[in-house]
Amino acid sequence: MGFTYRKSVNLGPFRVNLSKSGLGYSVGGRGFRVGTTARGKKYTSFSIPGTGVGYRKSGAGCLVLLAAVPVGIAATKLLLTS
């Protein structure tokens, strides 16, 4: 296994990622993010904050996860209020 490097800078809802492969960027909030990797691949990620559980989909059709956002927000609010 080789060495890796990654640095990210948050600018509000925008995130710029610097790695050995180049510059990537994404936009989103806690639990949901849409972005482009340094190699130009599009991705959508969805997670339940504070749990370490998440899902990331790359390539065509990755925005299908948009339907899961309201469910994720409701689950997050339920977890945070418990």
N, C-alpha and C. Protein backbone atom coordinates (compact mmCIF):
# COMPACT_ATOMS: atom_id res chain seq x y z
N MET A 1 0.85 -1.17 0.00
CA MET A 1 0.00 0.00 0.00
C MET A 1 0.90 1.23 0.00
N GLY A 2 0.53 2.22 -0.80
CA GLY A 2 1.34 3.43 -0.93
C GLY A 2 0.86 4.55 -0.03
N PHE A 3 1.63 5.62 -0.03
CA PHE A 3 1.28 6.80 0.74
C PHE A 3 0.16 7.57 0.05
N THR A 4 -0.67 8.20 0.85
CA THR A 4 -1.73 9.05 0.30
C THR A 4 -1.64 10.43 0.93
N TYR A 5 -2.24 11.38 0.28
CA TYR A 5 -2.31 12.74 0.81
C TYR A 5 -3.65 13.33 0.41
N ARG A 6 -4.31 13.95 1.36
CA ARG A 6 -5.56 14.65 1.06
C ARG A 6 -5.74 15.80 2.03
N LYS A 7 -6.07 16.93 1.51
CA LYS A 7 -6.35 18.11 2.32
C LYS A 7 -7.63 18.73 1.80
N SER A 8 -8.53 19.11 2.70
CA SER A 8 -9.76 19.75 2.26
C SER A 8 -9.94 21.08 2.97
N VAL A 9 -10.54 22.01 2.24
CA VAL A 9 -10.82 23.35 2.77
C VAL A 9 -12.31 23.60 2.60
N ASN A 10 -12.98 23.92 3.70
CA ASN A 10 -14.41 24.21 3.66
C ASN A 10 -14.64 25.70 3.50
N LEU A 11 -15.51 26.03 2.57
CA LEU A 11 -15.90 27.42 2.33
C LEU A 11 -17.42 27.47 2.37
N GLY A 12 -17.99 27.43 3.56
CA GLY A 12 -19.44 27.34 3.69
C GLY A 12 -19.90 25.97 3.23
N PRO A 13 -20.90 25.89 2.33
CA PRO A 13 -21.35 24.59 1.85
C PRO A 13 -20.42 23.98 0.80
N PHE A 14 -19.43 24.74 0.36
CA PHE A 14 -18.49 24.26 -0.66
C PHE A 14 -17.26 23.68 -0.01
N ARG A 15 -16.73 22.61 -0.60
CA ARG A 15 -15.51 21.99 -0.11
C ARG A 15 -14.57 21.79 -1.29
N VAL A 16 -13.32 22.18 -1.12
CA VAL A 16 -12.29 21.97 -2.13
C VAL A 16 -11.33 20.94 -1.56
N ASN A 17 -11.09 19.86 -2.31
CA ASN A 17 -10.21 18.77 -1.88
C ASN A 17 -8.96 18.75 -2.73
N LEU A 18 -7.82 18.71 -2.09
CA LEU A 18 -6.54 18.63 -2.77
C LEU A 18 -5.91 17.29 -2.44
N SER A 19 -5.56 16.52 -3.46
CA SER A 19 -4.94 15.22 -3.27
C SER A 19 -3.81 15.04 -4.28
N LYS A 20 -3.16 13.89 -4.21
CA LYS A 20 -2.11 13.59 -5.19
C LYS A 20 -2.66 13.60 -6.61
N SER A 21 -3.92 13.24 -6.76
CA SER A 21 -4.55 13.16 -8.09
C SER A 21 -4.92 14.52 -8.66
N GLY A 22 -5.04 15.52 -7.82
CA GLY A 22 -5.42 16.85 -8.30
C GLY A 22 -6.42 17.53 -7.39
N LEU A 23 -7.24 18.37 -7.98
CA LEU A 23 -8.20 19.19 -7.25
C LEU A 23 -9.62 18.69 -7.50
N GLY A 24 -10.36 18.43 -6.44
CA GLY A 24 -11.76 18.04 -6.53
C GLY A 24 -12.60 19.04 -5.76
N TYR A 25 -13.89 19.03 -5.98
CA TYR A 25 -14.76 19.96 -5.28
C TYR A 25 -16.12 19.33 -5.05
N SER A 26 -16.83 19.84 -4.05
CA SER A 26 -18.16 19.33 -3.77
C SER A 26 -18.97 20.42 -3.08
N VAL A 27 -20.26 20.19 -3.04
CA VAL A 27 -21.18 21.12 -2.38
C VAL A 27 -22.22 20.29 -1.64
N GLY A 28 -22.63 20.78 -0.49
CA GLY A 28 -23.63 20.07 0.29
C GLY A 28 -23.51 20.42 1.75
N GLY A 29 -24.25 19.74 2.54
CA GLY A 29 -24.26 20.00 3.96
C GLY A 29 -24.01 18.71 4.72
N ARG A 30 -24.31 18.78 5.98
CA ARG A 30 -24.12 17.64 6.85
C ARG A 30 -25.05 16.50 6.42
N GLY A 31 -24.49 15.41 5.99
CA GLY A 31 -25.27 14.24 5.62
C GLY A 31 -25.51 14.05 4.13
N PHE A 32 -25.28 15.08 3.32
CA PHE A 32 -25.51 14.94 1.89
C PHE A 32 -24.54 15.82 1.12
N ARG A 33 -23.92 15.28 0.08
CA ARG A 33 -22.92 16.03 -0.69
C ARG A 33 -22.90 15.52 -2.13
N VAL A 34 -22.74 16.44 -3.06
CA VAL A 34 -22.61 16.13 -4.49
C VAL A 34 -21.32 16.77 -4.96
N GLY A 35 -20.51 16.02 -5.71
CA GLY A 35 -19.24 16.61 -6.12
C GLY A 35 -18.59 15.94 -7.31
N THR A 36 -17.38 16.39 -7.58
CA THR A 36 -16.55 15.88 -8.66
C THR A 36 -15.18 15.56 -8.08
N THR A 37 -14.66 14.38 -8.38
CA THR A 37 -13.36 13.99 -7.88
C THR A 37 -12.26 14.69 -8.68
N ALA A 38 -11.04 14.53 -8.23
CA ALA A 38 -9.90 15.12 -8.92
C ALA A 38 -9.73 14.53 -10.32
N ARG A 39 -10.24 13.34 -10.53
CA ARG A 39 -10.14 12.69 -11.85
C ARG A 39 -11.36 12.95 -12.72
N GLY A 40 -12.28 13.79 -12.25
CA GLY A 40 -13.43 14.20 -13.05
C GLY A 40 -14.68 13.35 -12.91
N LYS A 41 -14.68 12.37 -12.02
CA LYS A 41 -15.87 11.54 -11.81
C LYS A 41 -16.86 12.26 -10.90
N LYS A 42 -18.13 12.21 -11.26
CA LYS A 42 -19.19 12.80 -10.45
C LYS A 42 -19.61 11.80 -9.38
N TYR A 43 -20.00 12.30 -8.22
CA TYR A 43 -20.47 11.41 -7.16
C TYR A 43 -21.52 12.11 -6.31
N THR A 44 -22.31 11.29 -5.63
CA THR A 44 -23.27 11.75 -4.65
C THR A 44 -23.06 10.92 -3.40
N SER A 45 -23.01 11.56 -2.25
CA SER A 45 -22.85 10.81 -1.02
C SER A 45 -23.94 11.21 -0.03
N PHE A 46 -24.34 10.23 0.74
CA PHE A 46 -25.38 10.39 1.73
C PHE A 46 -24.93 9.67 2.99
N SER A 47 -25.05 10.29 4.16
CA SER A 47 -24.65 9.63 5.39
C SER A 47 -25.56 10.06 6.54
N ILE A 48 -25.50 9.28 7.59
CA ILE A 48 -26.22 9.64 8.81
C ILE A 48 -25.15 10.21 9.75
N PRO A 49 -25.17 11.53 9.96
CA PRO A 49 -24.13 12.17 10.74
C PRO A 49 -23.96 11.59 12.14
N GLY A 50 -22.70 11.45 12.54
CA GLY A 50 -22.39 10.95 13.87
C GLY A 50 -22.38 9.44 14.01
N THR A 51 -22.75 8.72 12.94
CA THR A 51 -22.81 7.26 13.03
C THR A 51 -21.69 6.57 12.27
N GLY A 52 -21.12 7.25 11.28
CA GLY A 52 -20.11 6.61 10.44
C GLY A 52 -20.73 5.77 9.34
N VAL A 53 -22.07 5.77 9.23
CA VAL A 53 -22.77 5.00 8.22
C VAL A 53 -23.08 5.92 7.04
N GLY A 54 -22.72 5.48 5.86
CA GLY A 54 -22.97 6.31 4.69
C GLY A 54 -22.97 5.51 3.41
N TYR A 55 -23.30 6.18 2.32
CA TYR A 55 -23.36 5.55 1.01
C TYR A 55 -22.85 6.55 -0.01
N ARG A 56 -22.03 6.08 -0.93
CA ARG A 56 -21.49 6.95 -1.99
C ARG A 56 -21.68 6.26 -3.33
N LYS A 57 -22.25 6.99 -4.29
CA LYS A 57 -22.50 6.46 -5.62
C LYS A 57 -21.79 7.33 -6.63
N SER A 58 -21.04 6.71 -7.52
CA SER A 58 -20.31 7.44 -8.56
C SER A 58 -20.90 7.14 -9.92
N GLY A 59 -20.66 8.04 -10.85
CA GLY A 59 -21.03 7.81 -12.25
C GLY A 59 -22.42 8.27 -12.59
N ALA A 60 -22.90 7.78 -13.74
CA ALA A 60 -24.21 8.18 -14.26
C ALA A 60 -25.32 7.76 -13.32
N GLY A 61 -26.30 8.61 -13.17
CA GLY A 61 -27.45 8.29 -12.33
C GLY A 61 -27.21 8.50 -10.85
N CYS A 62 -26.12 9.16 -10.50
CA CYS A 62 -25.82 9.31 -9.08
C CYS A 62 -26.78 10.25 -8.37
N LEU A 63 -27.50 11.08 -9.10
CA LEU A 63 -28.42 12.00 -8.45
C LEU A 63 -29.73 11.35 -8.05
N VAL A 64 -29.89 10.06 -8.30
CA VAL A 64 -31.08 9.33 -7.87
C VAL A 64 -31.20 9.39 -6.36
N LEU A 65 -30.08 9.56 -5.67
CA LEU A 65 -30.11 9.62 -4.21
C LEU A 65 -30.82 10.85 -3.68
N LEU A 66 -31.12 11.81 -4.53
CA LEU A 66 -31.83 13.00 -4.08
C LEU A 66 -33.15 12.65 -3.40
N ALA A 67 -33.75 11.56 -3.81
CA ALA A 67 -35.00 11.12 -3.20
C ALA A 67 -34.80 10.68 -1.76
N ALA A 68 -33.58 10.28 -1.41
CA ALA A 68 -33.29 9.80 -0.06
C ALA A 68 -33.02 10.93 0.92
N VAL A 69 -32.81 12.13 0.44
CA VAL A 69 -32.45 13.24 1.31
C VAL A 69 -33.51 13.54 2.36
N PRO A 70 -34.80 13.67 2.01
CA PRO A 70 -35.80 13.94 3.05
C PRO A 70 -35.84 12.87 4.13
N VAL A 71 -35.65 11.62 3.75
CA VAL A 71 -35.64 10.52 4.71
C VAL A 71 -34.43 10.67 5.63
N GLY A 72 -33.28 11.01 5.06
CA GLY A 72 -32.07 11.17 5.85
C GLY A 72 -32.16 12.34 6.81
N ILE A 73 -32.76 13.42 6.37
CA ILE A 73 -32.93 14.58 7.24
C ILE A 73 -33.83 14.23 8.41
N ALA A 74 -34.92 13.53 8.14
CA ALA A 74 -35.84 13.13 9.20
C ALA A 74 -35.15 12.19 10.19
N ALA A 75 -34.35 11.25 9.68
CA ALA A 75 -33.64 10.31 10.56
C ALA A 75 -32.61 11.04 11.41
N THR A 76 -31.93 12.01 10.82
CA THR A 76 -30.93 12.78 11.56
C THR A 76 -31.58 13.57 12.68
N LYS A 77 -32.70 14.21 12.39
CA LYS A 77 -33.40 14.99 13.42
C LYS A 77 -33.87 14.07 14.54
N LEU A 78 -34.34 12.89 14.17
CA LEU A 78 -34.80 11.93 15.18
C LEU A 78 -33.65 11.49 16.07
N LEU A 79 -32.48 11.22 15.47
CA LEU A 79 -31.32 10.80 16.25
C LEU A 79 -30.81 11.92 17.16
N LEU A 80 -30.83 13.15 16.65
CA LEU A 80 -30.29 14.27 17.44
C LEU A 80 -31.21 14.67 18.59
N THR A 81 -32.51 14.43 18.45
CA THR A 81 -33.45 14.80 19.51
C THR A 81 -33.61 13.69 20.55
N SER A 82 -33.12 12.50 20.26
CA SER A 82 -33.25 11.38 21.21
C SER A 82 -32.24 11.46 22.32
